[in-house]
N, C-alpha and C. Protein backbone atom coordinates (compact mmCIF):
# COMPACT_ATOMS: atom_id res chain seq x y z
N UNK A 1 -20.21 5.66 16.10
CA UNK A 1 -20.28 4.58 15.68
C UNK A 1 -18.22 4.44 16.26
N UNK A 2 -17.96 3.48 16.78
CA UNK A 2 -16.42 2.95 17.20
C UNK A 2 -16.02 2.67 15.63
N UNK A 3 -15.07 2.50 15.57
CA UNK A 3 -14.33 2.20 13.87
C UNK A 3 -13.43 1.09 14.52
N UNK A 4 -14.17 -0.11 13.84
CA UNK A 4 -12.73 -1.02 14.41
C UNK A 4 -12.17 -1.48 12.66
N UNK A 5 -10.98 -1.50 13.00
CA UNK A 5 -10.04 -1.98 12.02
C UNK A 5 -9.76 -3.57 11.91
N UNK A 6 -10.12 -3.84 10.06
CA UNK A 6 -10.40 -5.38 10.78
C UNK A 6 -8.83 -5.99 10.41
N UNK A 7 -8.55 -7.50 10.24
CA UNK A 7 -7.08 -8.15 10.17
C UNK A 7 -6.83 -7.45 8.61
N UNK A 8 -7.09 -7.51 7.41
CA UNK A 8 -7.17 -7.08 6.27
C UNK A 8 -6.97 -5.53 6.18
N UNK A 9 -7.29 -4.71 7.15
CA UNK A 9 -7.30 -3.63 6.64
C UNK A 9 -5.45 -2.82 7.56
N UNK A 10 -5.53 -4.08 8.54
CA UNK A 10 -3.78 -3.81 9.40
C UNK A 10 -3.15 -4.35 8.39
N UNK A 11 -3.08 -5.57 7.75
CA UNK A 11 -2.75 -5.90 6.65
C UNK A 11 -1.90 -5.46 5.66
N UNK A 12 -2.91 -4.08 4.76
CA UNK A 12 -2.93 -3.63 4.07
C UNK A 12 -1.90 -2.02 4.65
N UNK A 13 -2.17 -1.55 5.70
CA UNK A 13 -1.24 -0.78 6.89
C UNK A 13 0.19 -1.05 6.69
N UNK A 14 0.44 -1.99 7.09
CA UNK A 14 1.89 -3.00 7.25
C UNK A 14 2.39 -2.90 6.12
N UNK A 15 1.77 -3.29 5.04
CA UNK A 15 1.95 -3.75 4.13
C UNK A 15 3.12 -1.87 3.27
N UNK A 16 1.72 -1.16 3.34
CA UNK A 16 1.73 -0.20 2.84
C UNK A 16 3.44 0.75 3.13
N UNK A 17 3.59 0.18 4.54
CA UNK A 17 4.63 0.35 5.23
C UNK A 17 6.48 0.07 4.48
N UNK A 18 5.73 -1.25 4.12
CA UNK A 18 6.71 -1.87 3.64
C UNK A 18 6.98 -1.84 2.45
N UNK A 19 6.27 -1.30 1.31
CA UNK A 19 6.23 -0.64 0.68
C UNK A 19 7.27 0.45 0.10
N UNK A 20 6.89 1.53 1.21
CA UNK A 20 7.72 2.65 1.33
C UNK A 20 9.10 2.36 1.33
N UNK A 21 9.18 1.55 2.72
CA UNK A 21 10.77 0.93 2.38
C UNK A 21 11.61 -0.01 0.87
N UNK A 22 10.62 -0.71 1.19
CA UNK A 22 11.02 -1.30 -0.43
C UNK A 22 11.31 0.13 -1.83
N UNK A 23 10.23 1.02 -1.48
CA UNK A 23 10.90 2.51 -1.93
C UNK A 23 12.44 3.03 -2.11
N UNK A 24 12.47 2.73 -0.58
CA UNK A 24 13.95 4.03 -0.68
C UNK A 24 15.05 2.98 -0.24
N UNK A 25 14.43 1.36 -0.44
CA UNK A 25 15.63 0.90 -0.85
C UNK A 25 16.11 1.01 -2.06
N UNK A 26 15.18 0.85 -3.89
CA UNK A 26 15.35 1.31 -4.64
C UNK A 26 16.24 2.60 -5.38
N UNK A 27 15.42 3.68 -4.16
CA UNK A 27 16.64 4.67 -4.48
C UNK A 27 17.98 5.00 -3.99
N UNK A 28 17.74 4.07 -3.16
CA UNK A 28 19.86 3.99 -2.63
C UNK A 28 20.24 2.86 -3.53
N UNK A 29 19.62 1.90 -4.25
CA UNK A 29 20.39 0.98 -5.15
C UNK A 29 20.47 1.89 -6.29
N UNK A 30 19.44 2.84 -6.79
CA UNK A 30 19.64 3.32 -8.19
C UNK A 30 20.58 4.62 -8.19
N UNK A 31 20.59 5.25 -6.44
CA UNK A 31 21.91 6.04 -6.50
C UNK A 31 23.47 5.24 -7.10
N UNK A 32 23.83 4.11 -6.39
CA UNK A 32 25.15 3.69 -6.17
C UNK A 32 24.86 2.87 -8.22
N UNK A 33 23.74 2.28 -8.95
CA UNK A 33 23.78 1.56 -9.61
C UNK A 33 24.30 3.03 -10.70
N UNK A 34 23.74 3.96 -10.74
CA UNK A 34 23.36 5.18 -11.55
C UNK A 34 25.00 6.26 -11.03
N UNK A 35 25.86 5.84 -10.71
CA UNK A 35 27.05 6.48 -10.40
C UNK A 35 28.15 5.49 -11.64
N UNK A 36 27.15 4.14 -10.72
CA UNK A 36 27.82 2.98 -11.85
C UNK A 36 28.15 2.82 -13.50
N UNK A 37 26.99 2.61 -13.72
CA UNK A 37 26.38 2.10 -14.50
C UNK A 37 26.06 3.60 -15.67
N UNK A 38 25.28 4.64 -15.15
CA UNK A 38 24.38 6.11 -15.56
C UNK A 38 23.21 5.72 -15.53
N UNK A 39 22.40 6.87 -16.07
CA UNK A 39 21.06 6.63 -15.96
C UNK A 39 20.52 6.25 -17.09
N UNK A 40 21.61 6.00 -18.49
CA UNK A 40 20.81 5.74 -19.65
C UNK A 40 20.94 3.91 -19.56
N UNK A 41 21.26 3.88 -18.38
CA UNK A 41 20.96 2.00 -18.85
C UNK A 41 19.94 1.42 -17.83
N UNK A 42 19.60 0.02 -18.65
CA UNK A 42 18.44 -0.93 -18.63
C UNK A 42 18.47 -0.66 -17.02
N UNK A 43 19.56 -0.91 -16.62
CA UNK A 43 18.88 -1.02 -14.46
C UNK A 43 18.44 -0.46 -13.89
N UNK A 44 18.83 0.81 -14.45
CA UNK A 44 18.79 2.18 -13.95
C UNK A 44 17.52 2.65 -13.95
N UNK A 45 16.91 2.00 -14.96
CA UNK A 45 15.27 2.55 -15.90
C UNK A 45 14.28 1.35 -14.80
N UNK A 46 14.84 0.62 -14.42
CA UNK A 46 14.27 -0.69 -13.78
C UNK A 46 14.22 -0.50 -12.14
N UNK A 47 15.48 0.19 -11.87
CA UNK A 47 15.01 0.86 -10.78
C UNK A 47 13.68 1.92 -10.74
N UNK A 48 13.47 2.93 -11.05
CA UNK A 48 13.24 4.07 -11.19
C UNK A 48 11.42 3.33 -11.39
N UNK A 49 11.50 2.33 -12.18
CA UNK A 49 10.35 1.70 -12.29
C UNK A 49 9.98 1.05 -11.50
N UNK A 50 10.81 0.81 -10.20
CA UNK A 50 10.46 -0.26 -8.80
C UNK A 50 10.07 0.76 -8.24
N UNK A 51 10.57 1.99 -7.73
CA UNK A 51 10.01 3.18 -6.83
C UNK A 51 8.52 3.40 -7.65
N UNK A 52 8.31 4.00 -8.71
CA UNK A 52 7.16 4.42 -9.02
C UNK A 52 6.40 3.33 -8.55
N UNK A 53 6.48 2.04 -9.01
CA UNK A 53 5.56 1.27 -7.99
C UNK A 53 5.35 1.04 -7.08
N UNK A 54 6.56 0.72 -6.20
CA UNK A 54 6.19 0.97 -4.80
C UNK A 54 6.25 1.86 -4.13
N UNK A 55 6.03 3.50 -4.36
CA UNK A 55 5.37 4.34 -3.68
C UNK A 55 3.96 4.57 -3.72
N UNK A 56 3.42 4.32 -4.87
CA UNK A 56 2.26 4.49 -5.79
C UNK A 56 1.21 3.21 -5.03
N UNK A 57 1.78 2.27 -5.03
CA UNK A 57 1.15 0.66 -4.23
C UNK A 57 0.95 1.31 -2.81
N UNK A 58 2.14 2.15 -2.48
CA UNK A 58 2.27 1.91 -1.04
C UNK A 58 1.30 2.66 -0.49
N UNK A 59 1.10 4.10 -0.76
CA UNK A 59 0.25 5.03 -1.08
C UNK A 59 -1.13 4.37 -0.70
N UNK A 60 -1.84 3.72 -1.75
CA UNK A 60 -2.73 2.95 -2.65
C UNK A 60 -2.86 2.29 -0.30
N UNK A 61 -1.85 1.43 -0.71
CA UNK A 61 -2.49 0.29 0.58
C UNK A 61 -2.86 0.94 1.92
N UNK A 62 -1.83 2.14 1.63
CA UNK A 62 -1.91 2.95 3.81
C UNK A 62 -3.24 3.52 3.89
N UNK A 63 -3.50 4.26 2.37
CA UNK A 63 -4.96 4.39 2.20
C UNK A 63 -6.33 4.52 3.02
N UNK A 64 -6.31 2.32 2.10
CA UNK A 64 -7.07 1.53 2.52
C UNK A 64 -6.79 0.85 4.16
N UNK A 65 -5.80 0.85 4.57
CA UNK A 65 -5.85 0.49 5.81
C UNK A 65 -6.07 1.81 6.51
N UNK A 66 -6.19 3.50 6.59
CA UNK A 66 -6.44 4.02 7.21
C UNK A 66 -8.25 4.67 7.14
N UNK A 67 -8.54 3.31 6.14
CA UNK A 67 -10.49 4.27 5.14
C UNK A 67 -11.39 3.94 6.87
N UNK A 68 -12.37 3.76 6.73
CA UNK A 68 -13.16 4.29 8.21
C UNK A 68 -14.72 3.58 7.37
N UNK A 69 -13.89 1.98 7.35
CA UNK A 69 -15.42 0.80 6.69
C UNK A 69 -15.87 0.73 7.87
N UNK A 70 -17.06 0.91 7.59
CA UNK A 70 -18.39 -0.30 8.99
C UNK A 70 -18.37 -1.31 8.60
N UNK A 71 -18.86 -1.69 9.29
CA UNK A 71 -19.40 -3.23 9.68
C UNK A 71 -20.40 -3.02 8.65
N UNK A 72 -20.84 -4.54 8.02
CA UNK A 72 -21.94 -4.99 6.57
C UNK A 72 -22.51 -5.59 7.22
N UNK A 73 -22.35 -6.44 8.85
CA UNK A 73 -23.08 -7.89 9.06
C UNK A 73 -24.49 -7.21 9.54
N UNK A 74 -25.22 -8.31 9.08
CA UNK A 74 -27.10 -7.70 9.04
C UNK A 74 -27.36 -8.72 10.63
N UNK A 75 -27.81 -7.59 11.36
CA UNK A 75 -28.44 -7.65 12.54
C UNK A 75 -29.77 -8.27 12.67
N UNK A 76 -30.16 -8.83 13.47
CA UNK A 76 -31.47 -9.04 13.30
C UNK A 76 -33.02 -8.50 13.87
N UNK A 77 -32.16 -7.30 14.63
CA UNK A 77 -33.39 -6.69 14.96
C UNK A 77 -33.17 -5.39 13.95
N UNK A 78 -33.03 -5.07 13.04
CA UNK A 78 -32.89 -4.45 11.71
C UNK A 78 -33.34 -5.17 10.86
N UNK A 79 -33.94 -6.24 10.79
CA UNK A 79 -34.97 -6.64 9.19
C UNK A 79 -35.78 -6.33 9.40
N UNK A 80 -36.31 -6.10 7.69
CA UNK A 80 -37.51 -5.66 8.14
C UNK A 80 -38.72 -6.99 8.92
N UNK A 81 -39.69 -7.04 8.66
CA UNK A 81 -40.70 -7.97 9.01
C UNK A 81 -41.04 -8.52 7.71
N UNK A 82 -40.87 -9.40 7.86
CA UNK A 82 -41.25 -10.25 6.07
C UNK A 82 -42.86 -10.55 5.87
N UNK A 83 -43.61 -10.66 5.03
CA UNK A 83 -45.12 -10.04 4.53
C UNK A 83 -45.74 -11.66 4.03
């Protein structure tokens, strides 16, 4: 059976990659703001939360995008005869 990726799976794969890019951007901003404000500042904590969010959402979306989901379409020759 040939696996075809649907539009939503491709979108999930791209969104997962963009989430990883957003996590890397959060890491860069965390590094810059932590040097300026310190790690105890609420801004630093929000960047850490953003990193956590983007990493886990990105990994979940990539997992969904790479999944082998079969076609759920009903074909006429597969239906049992009705009595």
